[in-house]
Amino acid sequence: MFQSRKDFVYIVLAGIFITNALVAELIGGKLIYVGQAVMSLGILPWPVVFVTTDLINEYFGEKGVRKLSLLTASLIGYTFVLLFIGLQIPAVKGDGLVTDSQFTAVFGQSMLIIVGSITAFLVSQLIDVTIFHFVKNRTGNRMIWLRSTGSTVISQLFDSFIVLGIAFWLPGKMTTETFILSALTGYSVKLGIAILLTPLIYVGHSLIDSYLKKDGQ
């Protein structure tokens, strides 16, 4: 089915990447409190996206990440098109069934949230891959943690501010003070989780290297 083990690795990583990105978008409409700040629940799957991005960067380079990022953004857009169509179709009424209002409350996100989310995703991914390879070109195969965490530190700062800025601050749904506090809180949470998951980068490297050696790659 696959021409090589490396093809299979890319398919698996791409599947994990796309799944977590889509899930993050679907659950992103639920806002939760972290201390006094408001944060989207969609932040939870993103650290897995970070780890997967770094592994794809390592084995498939900038081109592999850029192509997958564009594909994922397109699939996110496609998902919201299907949800928009679904919102226009009346639900069957009955006890215990999902009503139109319930479905809309969960999936009826505004266009600005969609635009902000996709924009933030693409910008952060392109920044991440650029910084990752900038560091790798200067450290070689050493200091995996530095290029992994370093790229995340900068790219997610942009991501956190862009999505909230477009979706809530620009249309006046969030004050400047709340916007800055929420963006910094979300950034801190994502960064903290990403740092805690850094050992998974090394585990992933070990597993992939071992798997590819069996194919002589």
Foldseek 3Di string as FASTA:
>chain_A
DDPAVVRVVLVVLLVLLLVLLLVLLQQQLDWDDDDNAIEGPSLVSVLSNLLSLLLCCVSPNPVSLLVSLVVSLVVSVVVLVVLVVVLVDADDDDPPDQHSVNSCSRNVADPQLSVLQSVLSNQLSNQLRVQLVVVCVVVPPPDSVCSSLVSLLPSLLSSLLRNCCRRAVVVPNDDPVNSVVNSVVSSVVSSVVNNVCSVVSVVVVVVSVVSRVVRVD
